[in-house]
Amino acid sequence: MATAKQAVQQTLDHLPDQASWDDIMYELYVKQKIEKGLQAANEGRTVSHEEAKRRLLGNAD
Protein backbone atom coordinates (compact mmCIF):
# COMPACT_ATOMS: atom_id res chain seq x y z
CA MET A 1 0.00 0.00 0.00
CA ALA A 2 1.30 3.43 -0.92
CA THR A 3 1.94 6.02 1.74
CA ALA A 4 -0.01 9.28 1.66
CA LYS A 5 3.06 11.04 0.28
CA GLN A 6 3.45 8.44 -2.48
CA ALA A 7 -0.26 8.73 -3.36
CA VAL A 8 0.07 12.52 -3.64
CA GLN A 9 3.13 12.18 -5.85
CA GLN A 10 1.33 9.72 -8.14
CA THR A 11 -1.63 12.08 -8.38
CA LEU A 12 0.61 15.02 -9.22
CA ASP A 13 2.46 12.99 -11.83
CA HIS A 14 -0.83 12.35 -13.66
CA LEU A 15 -1.93 15.98 -13.75
CA PRO A 16 -0.98 18.25 -16.63
CA ASP A 17 1.80 20.80 -16.06
CA GLN A 18 -0.80 23.56 -16.40
CA ALA A 19 -2.85 22.28 -13.44
CA SER A 20 -3.93 25.05 -11.09
CA TRP A 21 -3.87 24.92 -7.30
CA ASP A 22 -7.64 24.36 -7.44
CA ASP A 23 -7.17 21.42 -9.83
CA ILE A 24 -4.59 19.87 -7.54
CA MET A 25 -6.65 20.36 -4.39
CA TYR A 26 -9.75 18.91 -6.08
CA GLU A 27 -7.89 15.80 -7.25
CA LEU A 28 -6.45 15.21 -3.78
CA TYR A 29 -9.85 15.75 -2.14
CA VAL A 30 -11.56 13.26 -4.47
CA LYS A 31 -8.77 10.71 -4.00
CA GLN A 32 -9.05 11.00 -0.21
CA LYS A 33 -12.84 10.56 -0.29
CA ILE A 34 -12.57 7.50 -2.54
CA GLU A 35 -9.95 5.92 -0.28
CA LYS A 36 -12.08 6.55 2.82
CA GLY A 37 -15.08 4.99 1.08
CA LEU A 38 -13.09 1.93 0.06
CA GLN A 39 -11.79 1.56 3.60
CA ALA A 40 -15.33 1.77 4.99
CA ALA A 41 -16.47 -0.89 2.52
CA ASN A 42 -13.56 -3.15 3.43
CA GLU A 43 -14.52 -2.78 7.11
CA GLY A 44 -18.13 -3.67 6.36
CA ARG A 45 -19.46 -0.21 7.13
CA THR A 46 -21.98 -0.18 4.29
CA VAL A 47 -25.72 -0.31 3.77
CA SER A 48 -27.67 -2.12 1.09
CA HIS A 49 -29.15 -0.31 -1.87
CA GLU A 50 -32.63 -0.89 -0.45
CA GLU A 51 -31.61 0.53 2.94
CA ALA A 52 -30.10 3.61 1.30
CA LYS A 53 -33.30 4.19 -0.68
CA ARG A 54 -35.39 3.76 2.46
CA ARG A 55 -33.27 6.30 4.34
CA LEU A 56 -33.31 8.81 1.50
CA LEU A 57 -37.05 8.52 1.03
CA GLY A 58 -37.65 8.82 4.76
CA ASN A 59 -39.66 5.62 5.08
CA ALA A 60 -39.69 4.45 8.68
CA ASP A 61 -41.00 0.96 7.90
PDB file of N, CA and C in Angstrom:
ATOM      1  N   MET A   1       0.842  -1.181   0.000  1.00  0.00           N
ATOM      2  CA  MET A   1       0.000   0.000   0.000  1.00  0.00           C
ATOM      3  C   MET A   1       0.889   1.246   0.000  1.00  0.00           C
ATOM      4  N   ALA A   2       0.522   2.197  -0.802  1.00  0.00           N
ATOM      5  CA  ALA A   2       1.298   3.425  -0.917  1.00  0.00           C
ATOM      6  C   ALA A   2       1.059   4.315   0.298  1.00  0.00           C
ATOM      7  N   THR A   3       2.098   5.042   0.679  1.00  0.00           N
ATOM      8  CA  THR A   3       1.942   6.025   1.745  1.00  0.00           C
ATOM      9  C   THR A   3       1.172   7.223   1.195  1.00  0.00           C
ATOM     10  N   ALA A   4       0.711   8.079   2.093  1.00  0.00           N
ATOM     11  CA  ALA A   4      -0.008   9.280   1.656  1.00  0.00           C
ATOM     12  C   ALA A   4       0.880  10.123   0.745  1.00  0.00           C
ATOM     13  N   LYS A   5       2.136  10.249   1.091  1.00  0.00           N
ATOM     14  CA  LYS A   5       3.062  11.044   0.276  1.00  0.00           C
ATOM     15  C   LYS A   5       3.224  10.433  -1.112  1.00  0.00           C
ATOM     16  N   GLN A   6       3.324   9.114  -1.188  1.00  0.00           N
ATOM     17  CA  GLN A   6       3.445   8.442  -2.481  1.00  0.00           C
ATOM     18  C   GLN A   6       2.179   8.619  -3.309  1.00  0.00           C
ATOM     19  N   ALA A   7       1.014   8.557  -2.650  1.00  0.00           N
ATOM     20  CA  ALA A   7      -0.256   8.731  -3.358  1.00  0.00           C
ATOM     21  C   ALA A   7      -0.356  10.138  -3.924  1.00  0.00           C
ATOM     22  N   VAL A   8       0.080  11.128  -3.163  1.00  0.00           N
ATOM     23  CA  VAL A   8       0.065  12.516  -3.639  1.00  0.00           C
ATOM     24  C   VAL A   8       0.992  12.659  -4.836  1.00  0.00           C
ATOM     25  N   GLN A   9       2.171  12.081  -4.750  1.00  0.00           N
ATOM     26  CA  GLN A   9       3.133  12.177  -5.851  1.00  0.00           C
ATOM     27  C   GLN A   9       2.574  11.537  -7.114  1.00  0.00           C
ATOM     28  N   GLN A  10       1.929  10.388  -6.980  1.00  0.00           N
ATOM     29  CA  GLN A  10       1.328   9.723  -8.136  1.00  0.00           C
ATOM     30  C   GLN A  10       0.228  10.584  -8.746  1.00  0.00           C
ATOM     31  N   THR A  11      -0.570  11.199  -7.892  1.00  0.00           N
ATOM     32  CA  THR A  11      -1.628  12.077  -8.381  1.00  0.00           C
ATOM     33  C   THR A  11      -1.039  13.255  -9.130  1.00  0.00           C
ATOM     34  N   LEU A  12      -0.024  13.880  -8.564  1.00  0.00           N
ATOM     35  CA  LEU A  12       0.615  15.021  -9.218  1.00  0.00           C
ATOM     36  C   LEU A  12       1.238  14.628 -10.551  1.00  0.00           C
ATOM     37  N   ASP A  13       1.824  13.449 -10.599  1.00  0.00           N
ATOM     38  CA  ASP A  13       2.460  12.989 -11.830  1.00  0.00           C
ATOM     39  C   ASP A  13       1.462  12.797 -12.966  1.00  0.00           C
ATOM     40  N   HIS A  14       0.188  12.566 -12.638  1.00  0.00           N
ATOM     41  CA  HIS A  14      -0.827  12.345 -13.664  1.00  0.00           C
ATOM     42  C   HIS A  14      -1.550  13.619 -14.086  1.00  0.00           C
ATOM     43  N   LEU A  15      -1.289  14.711 -13.390  1.00  0.00           N
ATOM     44  CA  LEU A  15      -1.926  15.980 -13.748  1.00  0.00           C
ATOM     45  C   LEU A  15      -1.087  16.701 -14.802  1.00  0.00           C
ATOM     46  N   PRO A  16      -1.737  17.484 -15.637  1.00  0.00           N
ATOM     47  CA  PRO A  16      -0.977  18.250 -16.629  1.00  0.00           C
ATOM     48  C   PRO A  16      -0.142  19.333 -15.951  1.00  0.00           C
ATOM     49  N   ASP A  17       0.919  19.763 -16.611  1.00  0.00           N
ATOM     50  CA  ASP A  17       1.797  20.796 -16.059  1.00  0.00           C
ATOM     51  C   ASP A  17       1.053  22.110 -15.815  1.00  0.00           C
ATOM     52  N   GLN A  18      -0.036  22.321 -16.529  1.00  0.00           N
ATOM     53  CA  GLN A  18      -0.798  23.562 -16.404  1.00  0.00           C
ATOM     54  C   GLN A  18      -1.827  23.497 -15.268  1.00  0.00           C
ATOM     55  N   ALA A  19      -1.854  22.432 -14.502  1.00  0.00           N
ATOM     56  CA  ALA A  19      -2.849  22.281 -13.440  1.00  0.00           C
ATOM     57  C   ALA A  19      -2.737  23.425 -12.442  1.00  0.00           C
ATOM     58  N   SER A  20      -3.893  23.955 -12.068  1.00  0.00           N
ATOM     59  CA  SER A  20      -3.928  25.047 -11.094  1.00  0.00           C
ATOM     60  C   SER A  20      -3.933  24.465  -9.676  1.00  0.00           C
ATOM     61  N   TRP A  21      -3.771  25.351  -8.695  1.00  0.00           N
ATOM     62  CA  TRP A  21      -3.871  24.922  -7.304  1.00  0.00           C
ATOM     63  C   TRP A  21      -5.243  24.296  -7.051  1.00  0.00           C
ATOM     64  N   ASP A  22      -6.287  24.897  -7.607  1.00  0.00           N
ATOM     65  CA  ASP A  22      -7.637  24.359  -7.435  1.00  0.00           C
ATOM     66  C   ASP A  22      -7.757  22.962  -8.029  1.00  0.00           C
ATOM     67  N   ASP A  23      -7.163  22.748  -9.207  1.00  0.00           N
ATOM     68  CA  ASP A  23      -7.170  21.422  -9.833  1.00  0.00           C
ATOM     69  C   ASP A  23      -6.490  20.400  -8.925  1.00  0.00           C
ATOM     70  N   ILE A  24      -5.356  20.768  -8.391  1.00  0.00           N
ATOM     71  CA  ILE A  24      -4.586  19.867  -7.535  1.00  0.00           C
ATOM     72  C   ILE A  24      -5.360  19.535  -6.269  1.00  0.00           C
ATOM     73  N   MET A  25      -5.908  20.562  -5.626  1.00  0.00           N
ATOM     74  CA  MET A  25      -6.648  20.356  -4.388  1.00  0.00           C
ATOM     75  C   MET A  25      -7.891  19.494  -4.629  1.00  0.00           C
ATOM     76  N   TYR A  26      -8.563  19.714  -5.749  1.00  0.00           N
ATOM     77  CA  TYR A  26      -9.749  18.911  -6.079  1.00  0.00           C
ATOM     78  C   TYR A  26      -9.370  17.444  -6.258  1.00  0.00           C
ATOM     79  N   GLU A  27      -8.318  17.184  -7.007  1.00  0.00           N
ATOM     80  CA  GLU A  27      -7.887  15.799  -7.248  1.00  0.00           C
ATOM     81  C   GLU A  27      -7.531  15.102  -5.938  1.00  0.00           C
ATOM     82  N   LEU A  28      -6.836  15.804  -5.052  1.00  0.00           N
ATOM     83  CA  LEU A  28      -6.451  15.212  -3.776  1.00  0.00           C
ATOM     84  C   LEU A  28      -7.675  14.972  -2.893  1.00  0.00           C
ATOM     85  N   TYR A  29      -8.620  15.898  -2.915  1.00  0.00           N
ATOM     86  CA  TYR A  29      -9.852  15.751  -2.142  1.00  0.00           C
ATOM     87  C   TYR A  29     -10.641  14.525  -2.611  1.00  0.00           C
ATOM     88  N   VAL A  30     -10.806  14.395  -3.918  1.00  0.00           N
ATOM     89  CA  VAL A  30     -11.557  13.263  -4.467  1.00  0.00           C
ATOM     90  C   VAL A  30     -10.847  11.954  -4.138  1.00  0.00           C
ATOM     91  N   LYS A  31      -9.532  11.924  -4.294  1.00  0.00           N
ATOM     92  CA  LYS A  31      -8.765  10.710  -3.996  1.00  0.00           C
ATOM     93  C   LYS A  31      -8.939  10.310  -2.530  1.00  0.00           C
ATOM     94  N   GLN A  32      -8.889  11.282  -1.635  1.00  0.00           N
ATOM     95  CA  GLN A  32      -9.054  10.997  -0.212  1.00  0.00           C
ATOM     96  C   GLN A  32     -10.452  10.439   0.071  1.00  0.00           C
ATOM     97  N   LYS A  33     -11.476  11.031  -0.516  1.00  0.00           N
ATOM     98  CA  LYS A  33     -12.842  10.565  -0.291  1.00  0.00           C
ATOM     99  C   LYS A  33     -13.034   9.146  -0.818  1.00  0.00           C
ATOM    100  N   ILE A  34     -12.464   8.852  -1.969  1.00  0.00           N
ATOM    101  CA  ILE A  34     -12.571   7.501  -2.536  1.00  0.00           C
ATOM    102  C   ILE A  34     -11.876   6.496  -1.631  1.00  0.00           C
ATOM    103  N   GLU A  35     -10.687   6.833  -1.153  1.00  0.00           N
ATOM    104  CA  GLU A  35      -9.950   5.916  -0.284  1.00  0.00           C
ATOM    105  C   GLU A  35     -10.693   5.681   1.026  1.00  0.00           C
ATOM    106  N   LYS A  36     -11.301   6.726   1.590  1.00  0.00           N
ATOM    107  CA  LYS A  36     -12.083   6.553   2.821  1.00  0.00           C
ATOM    108  C   LYS A  36     -13.296   5.661   2.564  1.00  0.00           C
ATOM    109  N   GLY A  37     -13.935   5.826   1.421  1.00  0.00           N
ATOM    110  CA  GLY A  37     -15.077   4.991   1.078  1.00  0.00           C
ATOM    111  C   GLY A  37     -14.685   3.536   0.895  1.00  0.00           C
ATOM    112  N   LEU A  38     -13.569   3.299   0.241  1.00  0.00           N
ATOM    113  CA  LEU A  38     -13.090   1.925   0.060  1.00  0.00           C
ATOM    114  C   LEU A  38     -12.733   1.289   1.399  1.00  0.00           C
ATOM    115  N   GLN A  39     -12.129   2.077   2.278  1.00  0.00           N
ATOM    116  CA  GLN A  39     -11.785   1.564   3.604  1.00  0.00           C
ATOM    117  C   GLN A  39     -13.055   1.205   4.378  1.00  0.00           C
ATOM    118  N   ALA A  40     -14.062   2.058   4.309  1.00  0.00           N
ATOM    119  CA  ALA A  40     -15.327   1.774   4.990  1.00  0.00           C
ATOM    120  C   ALA A  40     -15.949   0.490   4.442  1.00  0.00           C
ATOM    121  N   ALA A  41     -15.915   0.323   3.128  1.00  0.00           N
ATOM    122  CA  ALA A  41     -16.472  -0.888   2.515  1.00  0.00           C
ATOM    123  C   ALA A  41     -15.700  -2.124   2.959  1.00  0.00           C
ATOM    124  N   ASN A  42     -14.390  -2.024   3.003  1.00  0.00           N
ATOM    125  CA  ASN A  42     -13.563  -3.152   3.435  1.00  0.00           C
ATOM    126  C   ASN A  42     -13.824  -3.526   4.892  1.00  0.00           C
ATOM    127  N   GLU A  43     -14.232  -2.533   5.697  1.00  0.00           N
ATOM    128  CA  GLU A  43     -14.524  -2.780   7.106  1.00  0.00           C
ATOM    129  C   GLU A  43     -15.981  -3.164   7.333  1.00  0.00           C
ATOM    130  N   GLY A  44     -16.742  -3.260   6.246  1.00  0.00           N
ATOM    131  CA  GLY A  44     -18.131  -3.673   6.358  1.00  0.00           C
ATOM    132  C   GLY A  44     -19.079  -2.561   6.778  1.00  0.00           C
ATOM    133  N   ARG A  45     -18.615  -1.334   6.743  1.00  0.00           N
ATOM    134  CA  ARG A  45     -19.460  -0.205   7.125  1.00  0.00           C
ATOM    135  C   ARG A  45     -20.220   0.300   5.899  1.00  0.00           C
ATOM    136  N   THR A  46     -21.177  -0.507   5.456  1.00  0.00           N
ATOM    137  CA  THR A  46     -21.980  -0.178   4.286  1.00  0.00           C
ATOM    138  C   THR A  46     -23.450  -0.463   4.578  1.00  0.00           C
ATOM    139  N   VAL A  47     -24.302   0.022   3.709  1.00  0.00           N
ATOM    140  CA  VAL A  47     -25.722  -0.314   3.773  1.00  0.00           C
ATOM    141  C   VAL A  47     -26.141  -0.806   2.396  1.00  0.00           C
ATOM    142  N   SER A  48     -27.178  -1.609   2.365  1.00  0.00           N
ATOM    143  CA  SER A  48     -27.666  -2.121   1.095  1.00  0.00           C
ATOM    144  C   SER A  48     -28.308  -1.004   0.286  1.00  0.00           C
ATOM    145  N   HIS A  49     -28.496  -1.280  -0.992  1.00  0.00           N
ATOM    146  CA  HIS A  49     -29.153  -0.315  -1.866  1.00  0.00           C
ATOM    147  C   HIS A  49     -30.565  -0.014  -1.355  1.00  0.00           C
ATOM    148  N   GLU A  50     -31.265  -1.053  -0.957  1.00  0.00           N
ATOM    149  CA  GLU A  50     -32.635  -0.889  -0.452  1.00  0.00           C
ATOM    150  C   GLU A  50     -32.651  -0.032   0.815  1.00  0.00           C
ATOM    151  N   GLU A  51     -31.690  -0.259   1.714  1.00  0.00           N
ATOM    152  CA  GLU A  51     -31.613   0.533   2.939  1.00  0.00           C
ATOM    153  C   GLU A  51     -31.309   1.994   2.631  1.00  0.00           C
ATOM    154  N   ALA A  52     -30.425   2.238   1.693  1.00  0.00           N
ATOM    155  CA  ALA A  52     -30.098   3.612   1.298  1.00  0.00           C
ATOM    156  C   ALA A  52     -31.330   4.308   0.727  1.00  0.00           C
ATOM    157  N   LYS A  53     -32.071   3.613  -0.123  1.00  0.00           N
ATOM    158  CA  LYS A  53     -33.298   4.194  -0.680  1.00  0.00           C
ATOM    159  C   LYS A  53     -34.299   4.499   0.425  1.00  0.00           C
ATOM    160  N   ARG A  54     -34.452   3.572   1.364  1.00  0.00           N
ATOM    161  CA  ARG A  54     -35.389   3.758   2.462  1.00  0.00           C
ATOM    162  C   ARG A  54     -35.010   5.003   3.270  1.00  0.00           C
ATOM    163  N   ARG A  55     -33.736   5.141   3.563  1.00  0.00           N
ATOM    164  CA  ARG A  55     -33.269   6.297   4.338  1.00  0.00           C
ATOM    165  C   ARG A  55     -33.489   7.602   3.584  1.00  0.00           C
ATOM    166  N   LEU A  56     -33.166   7.592   2.302  1.00  0.00           N
ATOM    167  CA  LEU A  56     -33.313   8.811   1.504  1.00  0.00           C
ATOM    168  C   LEU A  56     -34.776   9.217   1.329  1.00  0.00           C
ATOM    169  N   LEU A  57     -35.632   8.226   1.216  1.00  0.00           N
ATOM    170  CA  LEU A  57     -37.051   8.519   1.031  1.00  0.00           C
ATOM    171  C   LEU A  57     -37.765   8.781   2.361  1.00  0.00           C
ATOM    172  N   GLY A  58     -37.088   8.533   3.458  1.00  0.00           N
ATOM    173  CA  GLY A  58     -37.653   8.818   4.763  1.00  0.00           C
ATOM    174  C   GLY A  58     -38.700   7.832   5.236  1.00  0.00           C
ATOM    175  N   ASN A  59     -38.713   6.649   4.654  1.00  0.00           N
ATOM    176  CA  ASN A  59     -39.662   5.616   5.078  1.00  0.00           C
ATOM    177  C   ASN A  59     -39.192   5.015   6.388  1.00  0.00           C
ATOM    178  N   ALA A  60     -40.056   4.982   7.356  1.00  0.00           N
ATOM    179  CA  ALA A  60     -39.692   4.447   8.676  1.00  0.00           C
ATOM    180  C   ALA A  60     -40.191   3.024   8.860  1.00  0.00           C
ATOM    181  N   ASP A  61     -40.453   2.321   7.798  1.00  0.00           N
ATOM    182  CA  ASP A  61     -40.996   0.956   7.901  1.00  0.00           C
ATOM    183  C   ASP A  61     -40.138   0.123   8.802  1.00  0.00           C
TER     184      ASP A  61
END
